[in-house]
């Protein structure tokens, strides 16, 4: 019954912006650390950012200063604001909820940065 549904992906030009959303149901959202991952075909899934239930935040070095993770516990939603996008940001972006031994995952949303 747990569902994570990503939205907001699409095609954008280099230097542009996108805002990803992940709507969560079936868990007590406020008790979970939320994370965004991304994956390029042929490569390992990469952790992009996390935000804990206490609002502690982590970013991988390649997105620092460009991406912002946030959460709205009243809406059971986590966001990833992506600015100054680069072609190397192209990937499928996945939302994850971590609160026990095994995380929950969304279906992913495609982000393509290309001119």
C-alpha atoms as a PDB file:
ATOM      1  CA  UNK A   1       0.000   0.000   0.000  1.00  0.00           C
ATOM      2  CA  UNK A   2       3.022   2.270   0.132  1.00  0.00           C
ATOM      3  CA  UNK A   3       3.253   4.532  -2.883  1.00  0.00           C
ATOM      4  CA  UNK A   4       5.825   7.077  -3.985  1.00  0.00           C
ATOM      5  CA  UNK A   5       4.903   8.935  -7.153  1.00  0.00           C
ATOM      6  CA  UNK A   6       7.440  11.220  -8.813  1.00  0.00           C
ATOM      7  CA  UNK A   7       6.504  14.016 -11.178  1.00  0.00           C
ATOM      8  CA  UNK A   8       8.051  17.061 -12.798  1.00  0.00           C
ATOM      9  CA  UNK A   9      10.615  15.493 -15.077  1.00  0.00           C
ATOM     10  CA  UNK A  10      11.013  16.409 -18.701  1.00  0.00           C
ATOM     11  CA  UNK A  11      13.254  17.916 -21.341  1.00  0.00           C
ATOM     12  CA  UNK A  12      15.135  21.093 -20.495  1.00  0.00           C
ATOM     13  CA  UNK A  13      17.981  23.048 -22.073  1.00  0.00           C
ATOM     14  CA  UNK A  14      21.355  23.375 -20.361  1.00  0.00           C
ATOM     15  CA  UNK A  15      21.172  26.103 -17.739  1.00  0.00           C
ATOM     16  CA  UNK A  16      17.469  25.570 -17.226  1.00  0.00           C
ATOM     17  CA  UNK A  17      15.515  24.454 -14.180  1.00  0.00           C
ATOM     18  CA  UNK A  18      13.105  21.734 -13.152  1.00  0.00           C
ATOM     19  CA  UNK A  19      11.302  20.974  -9.922  1.00  0.00           C
ATOM     20  CA  UNK A  20      10.665  17.333  -9.112  1.00  0.00           C
ATOM     21  CA  UNK A  21       7.972  16.268  -6.677  1.00  0.00           C
ATOM     22  CA  UNK A  22       7.427  12.973  -4.893  1.00  0.00           C
ATOM     23  CA  UNK A  23       4.025  12.377  -3.336  1.00  0.00           C
ATOM     24  CA  UNK A  24       4.057   9.704  -0.634  1.00  0.00           C
ATOM     25  CA  UNK A  25       1.239   7.652   0.846  1.00  0.00           C
ATOM     26  CA  UNK A  26       0.936   4.573   3.039  1.00  0.00           C
ATOM     27  CA  UNK A  27       3.572   5.539   5.601  1.00  0.00           C
ATOM     28  CA  UNK A  28       3.895   8.030   8.416  1.00  0.00           C
ATOM     29  CA  UNK A  29       5.801  10.442   6.228  1.00  0.00           C
ATOM     30  CA  UNK A  30       7.180  12.575   9.049  1.00  0.00           C
ATOM     31  CA  UNK A  31       9.116   9.627  10.493  1.00  0.00           C
ATOM     32  CA  UNK A  32      11.111   8.899   7.324  1.00  0.00           C
ATOM     33  CA  UNK A  33      14.294  10.179   5.809  1.00  0.00           C
ATOM     34  CA  UNK A  34      13.619  11.034   2.170  1.00  0.00           C
ATOM     35  CA  UNK A  35      16.139  10.786  -0.623  1.00  0.00           C
ATOM     36  CA  UNK A  36      16.555  11.471  -4.318  1.00  0.00           C
ATOM     37  CA  UNK A  37      18.661   9.136  -6.429  1.00  0.00           C
ATOM     38  CA  UNK A  38      19.448   9.157 -10.128  1.00  0.00           C
ATOM     39  CA  UNK A  39      20.554   6.510 -12.571  1.00  0.00           C
ATOM     40  CA  UNK A  40      22.064   6.642 -16.042  1.00  0.00           C
ATOM     41  CA  UNK A  41      21.891   3.529 -18.234  1.00  0.00           C
ATOM     42  CA  UNK A  42      24.941   1.361 -17.652  1.00  0.00           C
ATOM     43  CA  UNK A  43      25.924   3.093 -14.424  1.00  0.00           C
ATOM     44  CA  UNK A  44      25.289   2.603 -10.721  1.00  0.00           C
ATOM     45  CA  UNK A  45      22.416   4.408  -9.071  1.00  0.00           C
ATOM     46  CA  UNK A  46      23.752   7.580  -7.456  1.00  0.00           C
ATOM     47  CA  UNK A  47      22.545   9.251  -4.279  1.00  0.00           C
ATOM     48  CA  UNK A  48      21.773  12.896  -5.054  1.00  0.00           C
ATOM     49  CA  UNK A  49      20.346  14.336  -1.837  1.00  0.00           C
ATOM     50  CA  UNK A  50      18.712  13.369   1.447  1.00  0.00           C
ATOM     51  CA  UNK A  51      16.598  15.131   4.027  1.00  0.00           C
ATOM     52  CA  UNK A  52      15.885  13.615   7.431  1.00  0.00           C
ATOM     53  CA  UNK A  53      12.769  13.943   9.521  1.00  0.00           C
ATOM     54  CA  UNK A  54      14.669  16.586  11.503  1.00  0.00           C
ATOM     55  CA  UNK A  55      15.518  18.473   8.274  1.00  0.00           C
ATOM     56  CA  UNK A  56      19.203  17.574   8.187  1.00  0.00           C
ATOM     57  CA  UNK A  57      20.303  17.738   4.534  1.00  0.00           C
ATOM     58  CA  UNK A  58      22.995  16.061   2.452  1.00  0.00           C
ATOM     59  CA  UNK A  59      23.984  16.672  -1.192  1.00  0.00           C
ATOM     60  CA  UNK A  60      26.430  14.872  -3.391  1.00  0.00           C
ATOM     61  CA  UNK A  61      29.259  17.164  -4.460  1.00  0.00           C
ATOM     62  CA  UNK A  62      28.262  17.370  -8.107  1.00  0.00           C
ATOM     63  CA  UNK A  63      24.937  19.078  -7.318  1.00  0.00           C
ATOM     64  CA  UNK A  64      25.913  21.318  -4.414  1.00  0.00           C
ATOM     65  CA  UNK A  65      24.896  24.905  -5.040  1.00  0.00           C
ATOM     66  CA  UNK A  66      22.543  23.924  -7.856  1.00  0.00           C
ATOM     67  CA  UNK A  67      19.975  21.550  -6.335  1.00  0.00           C
ATOM     68  CA  UNK A  68      17.773  22.015  -3.277  1.00  0.00           C
ATOM     69  CA  UNK A  69      15.907  19.255  -1.467  1.00  0.00           C
ATOM     70  CA  UNK A  70      12.942  20.120   0.731  1.00  0.00           C
ATOM     71  CA  UNK A  71       9.928  18.464   2.290  1.00  0.00           C
ATOM     72  CA  UNK A  72       6.420  19.464   3.241  1.00  0.00           C
ATOM     73  CA  UNK A  73       5.208  17.091   5.921  1.00  0.00           C
ATOM     74  CA  UNK A  74       1.677  18.493   5.773  1.00  0.00           C
ATOM     75  CA  UNK A  75       1.504  17.450   2.103  1.00  0.00           C
ATOM     76  CA  UNK A  76       3.504  14.216   2.448  1.00  0.00           C
ATOM     77  CA  UNK A  77       5.715  15.444  -0.368  1.00  0.00           C
ATOM     78  CA  UNK A  78       9.440  15.813  -0.971  1.00  0.00           C
ATOM     79  CA  UNK A  79      10.838  18.117  -3.658  1.00  0.00           C
ATOM     80  CA  UNK A  80      14.033  18.511  -5.619  1.00  0.00           C
ATOM     81  CA  UNK A  81      14.569  21.936  -7.142  1.00  0.00           C
ATOM     82  CA  UNK A  82      17.183  21.644  -9.884  1.00  0.00           C
ATOM     83  CA  UNK A  83      18.789  24.802 -11.256  1.00  0.00           C
ATOM     84  CA  UNK A  84      21.636  25.419 -13.694  1.00  0.00           C
ATOM     85  CA  UNK A  85      21.095  22.006 -15.190  1.00  0.00           C
ATOM     86  CA  UNK A  86      23.877  20.334 -17.134  1.00  0.00           C
ATOM     87  CA  UNK A  87      23.790  17.536 -19.707  1.00  0.00           C
ATOM     88  CA  UNK A  88      25.464  15.258 -17.167  1.00  0.00           C
ATOM     89  CA  UNK A  89      22.385  15.643 -14.945  1.00  0.00           C
ATOM     90  CA  UNK A  90      20.429  13.610 -17.485  1.00  0.00           C
ATOM     91  CA  UNK A  91      19.104  10.514 -15.721  1.00  0.00           C
ATOM     92  CA  UNK A  92      16.055   8.821 -14.312  1.00  0.00           C
ATOM     93  CA  UNK A  93      15.423  10.363 -10.908  1.00  0.00           C
ATOM     94  CA  UNK A  94      13.993   8.202  -8.139  1.00  0.00           C
ATOM     95  CA  UNK A  95      12.423   9.117  -4.828  1.00  0.00           C
ATOM     96  CA  UNK A  96      13.102   6.917  -1.796  1.00  0.00           C
ATOM     97  CA  UNK A  97      11.771   6.709   1.763  1.00  0.00           C
ATOM     98  CA  UNK A  98      14.028   5.265   4.456  1.00  0.00           C
ATOM     99  CA  UNK A  99      12.676   4.396   7.883  1.00  0.00           C
ATOM    100  CA  UNK A 100      13.386   0.714   8.373  1.00  0.00           C
ATOM    101  CA  UNK A 101      15.681  -1.943   6.999  1.00  0.00           C
ATOM    102  CA  UNK A 102      14.384  -1.748   3.427  1.00  0.00           C
ATOM    103  CA  UNK A 103      13.645   1.519   1.638  1.00  0.00           C
ATOM    104  CA  UNK A 104      10.614   2.245  -0.491  1.00  0.00           C
ATOM    105  CA  UNK A 105      11.048   3.450  -4.078  1.00  0.00           C
ATOM    106  CA  UNK A 106       9.066   5.335  -6.651  1.00  0.00           C
ATOM    107  CA  UNK A 107       8.847   4.512 -10.344  1.00  0.00           C
ATOM    108  CA  UNK A 108      11.208   7.279 -11.395  1.00  0.00           C
ATOM    109  CA  UNK A 109      10.898  10.293 -13.647  1.00  0.00           C
ATOM    110  CA  UNK A 110      13.085  11.049 -16.655  1.00  0.00           C
ATOM    111  CA  UNK A 111      15.134  14.238 -16.718  1.00  0.00           C
ATOM    112  CA  UNK A 112      16.846  15.073 -19.995  1.00  0.00           C
ATOM    113  CA  UNK A 113      19.134  18.092 -20.311  1.00  0.00           C
ATOM    114  CA  UNK A 114      19.945  18.771 -23.932  1.00  0.00           C
ATOM    115  CA  UNK A 115      20.133  21.544 -26.478  1.00  0.00           C
END
